[in-house]
Amino acid sequence: MQRLHARYPFLEGARDAVATQAVDLVTVVEQERPVVERARERVVAALEEGDVGEPSRDPRTELLSYPVARVLVSLADQRVLVRTYARAEAATAYERFVADFEDTTELKSVETSGVTLEELLSEFDLERAVRETETGYQVGVGAYLPLAGDLWESEWRLVNRALERGEVPVDEDELLTLVREAVRERVEEGLPFDVPEPIAEALTDDVEEIQEVLAELDLTREIDTVVPDLFPPCMTALLDAIQKGEHLPHHSRFAITAFLASIGMSTDEIVELYRVNSTFGEEMTRYQTDHIRGESSPTEYSPPSCATMVSYGDCVNKDDLCERIPHPMAYYERRLDETDDDELEDWRETVESEEA
């Protein structure tokens, strides 16, 4: 099995390689424990880190861990896990192909593990839809719209693009983002699916471990209580920045908006919070919030994990609980659980009583 396929297991060539070798998944999950362990690591890392973890040094183990990971995601059968896992696979692929494009070394082995942009565009049937220009690229609107549909930032809206002759201009970074979205769509396609009983039985313990991680992160719990004093430090800092009128970069704005939506705040309530900010634009804020909440997009976004917050520089003022918690939502839930119900005063109720 090629290293290229192990590095990019979503490629059609990787699927064909597995099929050609007539790999029996029942035999794999029952007899090849390293493959199952790596598959479980892919899923757990997706939940906790936003990527799929460190690859196995064995190409066969790494490649086969991908279809087994998809089986685990299907058996766990949680929509939030499907979305999170697909985004993590796409994020890892993005890091890898960006590194491949930047690698200009001449000394490469005969069996390369890298890809070119042209190969990726061909993989996703985009070679005819993408045209290079002197200043960047032009993407056919028919290809652009579905790939940009799950990107929440307002600059991806077609109304904010200089559409000309059925083409949308993008720069190189934006094109690579669209390719990342193509990867995410392929990974997510068909999940979850029905798993044969022998495979499900062999993976019972691994699925339970993944479900425990899901329960710990509490991404599936419905929370409808807004108590700012119990927010994790990172979200408190972002909310303070909004209230002080400071400009937030896209990743920070996404993080706080997704968090507020996840704890039960409506679009109108979130828009009101932003209104005091000098950079506030109601139409853009409302669009972004509706997109994150899944009102105007096919995906309801969850807040970034702590690892992602760290990578973007949004993890600040860590306290002791932060050291033991992998996700801002898990932090907030823990604080809610530790507080007596009669001490929980929802911020929205306080505002309503002051306005009355």
Protein backbone atom coordinates (compact mmCIF):
# COMPACT_ATOMS: atom_id res chain seq x y z
CA MET A 1 0.00 0.00 0.00
CA GLN A 2 1.39 3.37 -1.01
CA ARG A 3 2.42 6.03 1.49
CA LEU A 4 0.41 8.52 -0.56
CA HIS A 5 -2.77 6.57 0.16
CA ALA A 6 -1.95 6.34 3.85
CA ARG A 7 -1.40 10.11 3.92
CA TYR A 8 -4.59 10.85 1.97
CA PRO A 9 -6.94 7.91 2.65
CA PHE A 10 -9.97 9.72 1.18
CA LEU A 11 -8.51 9.54 -2.35
CA GLU A 12 -10.23 7.30 -4.87
CA GLY A 13 -6.87 5.60 -5.39
CA ALA A 14 -6.72 4.71 -1.69
CA ARG A 15 -10.20 3.20 -1.83
CA ASP A 16 -9.22 1.21 -4.91
CA ALA A 17 -6.05 -0.01 -3.19
CA VAL A 18 -8.06 -1.40 -0.29
CA ALA A 19 -10.55 -3.00 -2.67
CA THR A 20 -7.78 -4.50 -4.84
CA GLN A 21 -6.24 -6.23 -1.85
CA ALA A 22 -9.67 -7.61 -0.91
CA VAL A 23 -9.33 -6.42 2.65
CA ASP A 24 -11.95 -8.03 4.88
CA LEU A 25 -12.96 -5.52 7.57
CA VAL A 26 -14.30 -8.28 9.80
CA THR A 27 -10.87 -9.89 9.85
CA VAL A 28 -9.18 -6.53 10.34
CA VAL A 29 -11.25 -5.47 13.38
CA GLU A 30 -10.98 -8.92 14.93
CA GLN A 31 -7.30 -9.63 14.33
CA GLU A 32 -5.42 -6.38 13.60
CA ARG A 33 -5.58 -4.48 16.86
CA PRO A 34 -3.09 -1.74 15.85
CA VAL A 35 -5.44 -0.72 13.02
CA VAL A 36 -8.41 -0.48 15.39
CA GLU A 37 -6.41 1.48 17.97
CA ARG A 38 -5.25 3.96 15.33
CA ALA A 39 -8.83 4.25 14.05
CA ARG A 40 -10.06 5.03 17.55
CA GLU A 41 -7.27 7.59 17.93
CA ARG A 42 -8.43 9.31 14.73
CA VAL A 43 -11.93 9.76 16.13
CA VAL A 44 -10.92 10.77 19.65
CA ALA A 45 -8.33 13.25 18.34
CA ALA A 46 -11.02 14.73 16.09
CA LEU A 47 -13.12 15.42 19.17
CA GLU A 48 -10.37 16.65 21.45
CA GLU A 49 -7.82 18.21 19.12
CA GLY A 50 -9.58 19.06 15.86
CA ASP A 51 -7.27 16.82 13.81
CA VAL A 52 -6.77 13.06 13.48
CA GLY A 53 -3.66 12.66 15.60
CA GLU A 54 -0.20 11.38 14.80
CA PRO A 55 -0.07 8.97 11.85
CA SER A 56 1.12 5.41 12.21
CA ARG A 57 4.54 4.67 10.79
CA ASP A 58 3.09 1.63 9.06
CA PRO A 59 1.31 2.69 5.83
CA ARG A 60 -1.06 -0.29 5.95
CA THR A 61 -2.14 0.46 9.50
CA GLU A 62 -2.62 4.14 8.69
CA LEU A 63 -4.62 3.49 5.53
CA LEU A 64 -6.91 0.84 7.02
CA SER A 65 -7.53 2.95 10.11
CA TYR A 66 -9.53 5.37 7.95
CA PRO A 67 -12.35 3.01 6.91
CA VAL A 68 -12.41 1.57 10.42
CA ALA A 69 -12.69 5.09 11.86
CA ARG A 70 -15.69 5.68 9.61
CA VAL A 71 -17.21 2.50 11.01
CA LEU A 72 -16.64 3.76 14.57
CA VAL A 73 -18.26 7.10 13.75
CA SER A 74 -21.24 5.28 12.27
CA LEU A 75 -21.62 3.04 15.30
CA ALA A 76 -21.45 6.00 17.70
CA ASP A 77 -24.28 7.50 15.60
CA GLN A 78 -24.13 11.13 16.76
CA ARG A 79 -24.57 13.86 14.18
CA VAL A 80 -22.15 16.15 16.01
CA LEU A 81 -19.50 13.43 15.81
CA VAL A 82 -19.98 13.03 12.06
CA ARG A 83 -19.49 16.76 11.53
CA THR A 84 -16.54 17.02 13.90
CA TYR A 85 -14.80 13.98 12.46
CA ALA A 86 -15.21 15.13 8.86
CA ARG A 87 -13.85 18.59 9.69
CA ALA A 88 -10.86 17.04 11.49
CA GLU A 89 -9.99 14.78 8.56
CA ALA A 90 -10.27 17.78 6.23
CA ALA A 91 -8.18 19.97 8.53
CA THR A 92 -5.42 17.34 8.66
CA ALA A 93 -5.52 16.89 4.89
CA TYR A 94 -5.31 20.67 4.44
CA GLU A 95 -2.18 20.90 6.58
CA ARG A 96 -0.61 18.06 4.65
CA PHE A 97 -1.32 19.27 1.14
CA VAL A 98 -0.27 22.83 1.99
CA ALA A 99 3.03 21.36 3.20
CA ASP A 100 3.28 19.32 -0.01
CA PHE A 101 2.77 22.41 -2.17
CA GLU A 102 5.47 24.27 -0.25
CA ASP A 103 7.96 21.41 -0.52
CA THR A 104 10.33 22.33 -3.33
CA THR A 105 13.07 19.81 -2.56
CA GLU A 106 14.38 17.88 -5.52
CA LEU A 107 15.44 14.79 -3.59
CA LYS A 108 12.26 12.76 -3.36
CA SER A 109 11.85 9.02 -3.35
CA VAL A 110 10.37 7.25 -6.34
CA GLU A 111 7.25 6.55 -4.30
CA THR A 112 6.17 10.02 -3.26
CA SER A 113 3.69 10.61 -0.44
CA GLY A 114 2.76 14.10 -1.63
CA VAL A 115 0.17 15.52 -3.98
CA THR A 116 0.02 18.49 -6.31
CA LEU A 117 -2.75 21.04 -6.60
CA GLU A 118 -3.52 19.78 -10.07
CA GLU A 119 -3.94 16.23 -8.76
CA LEU A 120 -6.33 17.37 -6.02
CA LEU A 121 -8.41 19.45 -8.42
CA SER A 122 -8.66 16.43 -10.70
CA GLU A 123 -9.56 14.19 -7.75
CA PHE A 124 -12.63 16.30 -7.01
CA ASP A 125 -13.53 16.98 -10.67
CA LEU A 126 -12.57 20.63 -10.30
CA GLU A 127 -9.89 20.88 -12.98
CA ARG A 128 -12.30 22.36 -15.52
CA ALA A 129 -13.98 24.63 -12.97
CA VAL A 130 -10.73 26.28 -11.79
CA ARG A 131 -8.73 28.59 -14.03
CA GLU A 132 -5.43 30.22 -13.02
CA THR A 133 -4.98 33.91 -13.80
CA GLU A 134 -2.20 36.43 -13.32
CA THR A 135 -3.65 37.53 -9.99
CA GLY A 136 -5.06 34.29 -8.62
CA TYR A 137 -7.77 31.90 -9.73
CA GLN A 138 -11.26 31.94 -11.17
CA VAL A 139 -13.72 29.28 -10.00
CA GLY A 140 -16.89 28.43 -11.88
CA VAL A 141 -19.89 29.52 -9.85
CA GLY A 142 -21.43 26.06 -10.13
CA ALA A 143 -18.45 24.58 -8.29
CA TYR A 144 -17.96 27.53 -5.95
CA LEU A 145 -21.41 27.63 -4.38
CA PRO A 146 -21.58 24.11 -2.87
CA LEU A 147 -18.00 24.29 -1.61
CA ALA A 148 -18.46 27.72 -0.01
CA GLY A 149 -21.89 26.87 1.36
CA ASP A 150 -20.57 25.68 4.72
CA LEU A 151 -18.12 28.56 5.21
CA TRP A 152 -19.66 30.99 7.67
CA GLU A 153 -17.60 34.16 7.05
CA SER A 154 -19.46 36.83 5.09
CA GLU A 155 -16.73 37.19 2.45
CA TRP A 156 -17.69 33.79 1.05
CA ARG A 157 -21.19 35.00 0.18
CA LEU A 158 -21.64 35.33 -3.54
CA VAL A 159 -23.03 38.83 -3.14
CA ASN A 160 -19.62 39.91 -1.80
CA ARG A 161 -17.72 38.45 -4.76
CA ALA A 162 -17.00 40.04 -8.13
CA LEU A 163 -18.89 37.46 -10.17
CA GLU A 164 -18.09 37.81 -13.86
CA ARG A 165 -19.08 35.55 -16.73
CA GLY A 166 -20.05 32.76 -14.38
CA GLU A 167 -16.73 32.75 -12.51
CA VAL A 168 -15.78 33.76 -8.96
CA PRO A 169 -12.31 35.24 -8.25
CA VAL A 170 -10.35 33.68 -5.38
CA ASP A 171 -6.77 33.91 -4.22
CA GLU A 172 -4.58 30.87 -3.61
CA ASP A 173 -5.39 30.56 0.10
CA GLU A 174 -9.10 30.73 -0.67
CA LEU A 175 -8.77 28.07 -3.36
CA LEU A 176 -7.05 25.74 -0.90
CA THR A 177 -9.84 26.38 1.59
CA LEU A 178 -12.36 25.32 -1.05
CA VAL A 179 -10.33 22.15 -1.67
CA ARG A 180 -10.40 21.50 2.08
CA GLU A 181 -14.19 21.77 1.94
CA ALA A 182 -14.24 19.25 -0.91
CA VAL A 183 -12.32 16.85 1.33
CA ARG A 184 -14.75 17.43 4.20
CA GLU A 185 -17.74 16.74 1.98
CA ARG A 186 -16.22 13.48 0.75
CA VAL A 187 -15.37 12.31 4.26
CA GLU A 188 -18.84 13.16 5.54
CA GLU A 189 -20.62 11.61 2.57
CA GLY A 190 -22.51 8.46 3.54
CA LEU A 191 -21.97 8.83 7.30
CA PRO A 192 -23.39 7.24 9.34
CA PHE A 193 -24.05 3.92 7.60
CA ASP A 194 -25.33 0.53 8.70
CA VAL A 195 -22.56 -1.69 10.10
CA PRO A 196 -22.71 -5.50 9.88
CA GLU A 197 -23.24 -7.15 13.25
CA PRO A 198 -19.89 -9.06 13.39
CA ILE A 199 -17.96 -5.80 12.91
CA ALA A 200 -20.13 -3.94 15.43
CA GLU A 201 -19.60 -6.64 18.07
CA ALA A 202 -15.83 -6.59 17.60
CA LEU A 203 -15.74 -2.80 18.10
CA THR A 204 -18.07 -2.57 21.12
CA ASP A 205 -15.39 -1.46 23.60
CA ASP A 206 -13.92 1.08 21.20
CA VAL A 207 -17.31 2.63 20.49
CA GLU A 208 -18.01 2.86 24.22
CA GLU A 209 -14.73 4.72 24.72
CA ILE A 210 -15.65 7.20 22.00
CA GLN A 211 -19.09 7.68 23.54
CA GLU A 212 -17.45 8.38 26.89
CA VAL A 213 -15.34 11.11 25.28
CA LEU A 214 -18.48 12.54 23.69
CA ALA A 215 -20.23 12.51 27.06
CA GLU A 216 -17.25 14.21 28.71
CA LEU A 217 -17.15 16.93 26.07
CA ASP A 218 -20.93 17.12 26.27
CA LEU A 219 -21.30 18.34 22.71
CA THR A 220 -24.71 16.69 22.50
CA ARG A 221 -26.28 18.10 25.65
CA GLU A 222 -28.91 20.78 25.27
CA ILE A 223 -27.95 23.78 27.42
CA ASP A 224 -30.29 26.74 27.72
CA THR A 225 -28.79 28.70 30.58
CA VAL A 226 -26.75 31.89 30.19
CA VAL A 227 -24.66 32.70 33.27
CA PRO A 228 -21.64 34.80 32.19
CA ASP A 229 -19.96 34.42 35.59
CA LEU A 230 -19.57 30.71 34.84
CA PHE A 231 -18.17 31.09 31.32
CA PRO A 232 -14.72 29.60 30.64
CA PRO A 233 -11.98 32.26 30.81
CA CYS A 234 -11.46 32.26 27.04
CA MET A 235 -15.11 33.07 26.34
CA THR A 236 -15.22 35.66 29.11
CA ALA A 237 -12.24 37.41 27.50
CA LEU A 238 -13.85 37.37 24.05
CA LEU A 239 -17.16 38.64 25.40
CA ASP A 240 -15.34 41.44 27.26
CA ALA A 241 -13.55 42.38 24.04
CA ILE A 242 -16.88 42.69 22.25
CA GLN A 243 -18.34 44.83 25.03
CA LYS A 244 -15.26 47.09 24.93
CA GLY A 245 -15.68 47.66 21.21
CA GLU A 246 -12.52 45.80 20.23
CA HIS A 247 -12.18 44.25 16.78
CA LEU A 248 -12.19 40.45 16.84
CA PRO A 249 -10.52 38.37 14.12
CA HIS A 250 -12.73 35.85 12.34
CA HIS A 251 -11.65 32.85 14.42
CA SER A 252 -12.36 34.67 17.68
CA ARG A 253 -15.71 35.94 16.48
CA PHE A 254 -16.66 32.44 15.37
CA ALA A 255 -15.62 30.93 18.73
CA ILE A 256 -17.68 33.28 20.93
CA THR A 257 -20.68 33.26 18.58
CA ALA A 258 -20.73 29.44 18.37
CA PHE A 259 -20.40 29.23 22.15
CA LEU A 260 -23.27 31.65 22.79
CA ALA A 261 -25.47 29.81 20.29
CA SER A 262 -24.61 26.47 21.89
CA ILE A 263 -25.74 27.60 25.34
CA GLY A 264 -29.16 28.59 24.05
CA MET A 265 -28.93 32.20 22.96
CA SER A 266 -31.04 33.19 19.96
CA THR A 267 -29.78 35.11 16.94
CA ASP A 268 -31.54 38.26 18.15
CA GLU A 269 -29.92 37.99 21.58
CA ILE A 270 -26.45 37.49 20.12
CA VAL A 271 -26.91 40.38 17.71
CA GLU A 272 -27.82 42.63 20.64
CA LEU A 273 -24.57 41.71 22.40
CA TYR A 274 -22.57 42.78 19.36
CA ARG A 275 -24.52 46.02 18.93
CA VAL A 276 -22.26 47.98 21.32
CA ASN A 277 -19.19 47.11 19.24
CA SER A 278 -17.88 49.79 16.88
CA THR A 279 -17.30 47.17 14.17
CA PHE A 280 -20.90 45.95 14.45
CA GLY A 281 -22.80 45.44 11.23
CA GLU A 282 -26.24 44.01 11.89
CA GLU A 283 -26.75 42.31 8.54
CA MET A 284 -23.35 40.62 8.62
CA THR A 285 -23.65 39.67 12.30
CA ARG A 286 -27.12 38.23 11.81
CA TYR A 287 -26.01 36.28 8.73
CA GLN A 288 -22.95 34.86 10.49
CA THR A 289 -24.93 33.90 13.58
CA ASP A 290 -27.71 32.21 11.58
CA HIS A 291 -25.06 30.34 9.60
CA ILE A 292 -23.32 29.09 12.75
CA ARG A 293 -26.63 28.06 14.32
CA GLY A 294 -27.52 26.06 11.21
CA GLU A 295 -30.45 28.30 10.30
CA SER A 296 -29.00 29.26 6.91
CA SER A 297 -26.54 26.42 6.41
CA PRO A 298 -26.62 22.61 6.44
CA THR A 299 -24.38 22.50 9.50
CA GLU A 300 -24.91 23.56 13.10
CA TYR A 301 -21.46 24.48 14.37
CA SER A 302 -20.12 23.66 17.80
CA PRO A 303 -17.52 25.87 19.49
CA PRO A 304 -13.84 25.08 18.87
CA SER A 305 -12.08 22.69 21.24
CA CYS A 306 -9.56 23.97 23.75
CA ALA A 307 -6.74 22.74 21.50
CA THR A 308 -8.07 24.84 18.64
CA MET A 309 -8.48 27.84 20.93
CA VAL A 310 -4.83 27.45 21.93
CA SER A 311 -3.66 27.22 18.32
CA TYR A 312 -5.44 30.48 17.46
CA GLY A 313 -4.20 32.31 20.55
CA ASP A 314 -7.71 32.57 22.03
CA CYS A 315 -6.95 30.46 25.10
CA VAL A 316 -6.22 33.02 27.85
CA ASN A 317 -6.40 33.31 31.62
CA LYS A 318 -6.43 29.55 32.16
CA ASP A 319 -7.54 28.37 35.60
CA ASP A 320 -7.23 25.00 37.34
CA LEU A 321 -10.36 23.60 35.72
CA CYS A 322 -9.02 24.48 32.26
CA GLU A 323 -6.13 22.08 32.86
CA ARG A 324 -8.59 19.17 33.18
CA ILE A 325 -11.09 20.14 30.47
CA PRO A 326 -10.67 19.62 26.69
CA HIS A 327 -13.56 21.81 25.50
CA PRO A 328 -15.15 25.16 26.51
CA MET A 329 -18.61 23.56 26.56
CA ALA A 330 -17.39 20.89 28.98
CA TYR A 331 -16.00 23.66 31.19
CA TYR A 332 -19.30 25.53 31.21
CA GLU A 333 -21.32 22.41 31.92
CA ARG A 334 -19.06 21.50 34.83
CA ARG A 335 -19.47 24.95 36.32
CA LEU A 336 -23.26 24.75 35.90
CA ASP A 337 -23.35 21.33 37.56
CA GLU A 338 -21.28 22.59 40.50
CA THR A 339 -23.59 25.54 41.11
CA ASP A 340 -26.84 25.21 43.07
CA ASP A 341 -29.93 25.76 40.97
CA ASP A 342 -31.14 28.59 43.22
CA GLU A 343 -27.86 30.40 42.54
CA LEU A 344 -28.18 30.16 38.77
CA GLU A 345 -29.51 33.45 37.50
CA ASP A 346 -29.92 33.50 33.74
CA TRP A 347 -28.54 36.73 32.28
CA ARG A 348 -31.51 37.03 29.92
CA GLU A 349 -33.98 37.05 32.80
CA THR A 350 -31.96 39.79 34.53
CA VAL A 351 -32.05 41.95 31.40
CA GLU A 352 -35.80 41.45 31.03
CA SER A 353 -36.46 42.45 34.64
CA GLU A 354 -34.33 45.60 34.25
CA GLU A 355 -36.21 46.60 31.10
CA ALA A 356 -39.62 46.01 32.68
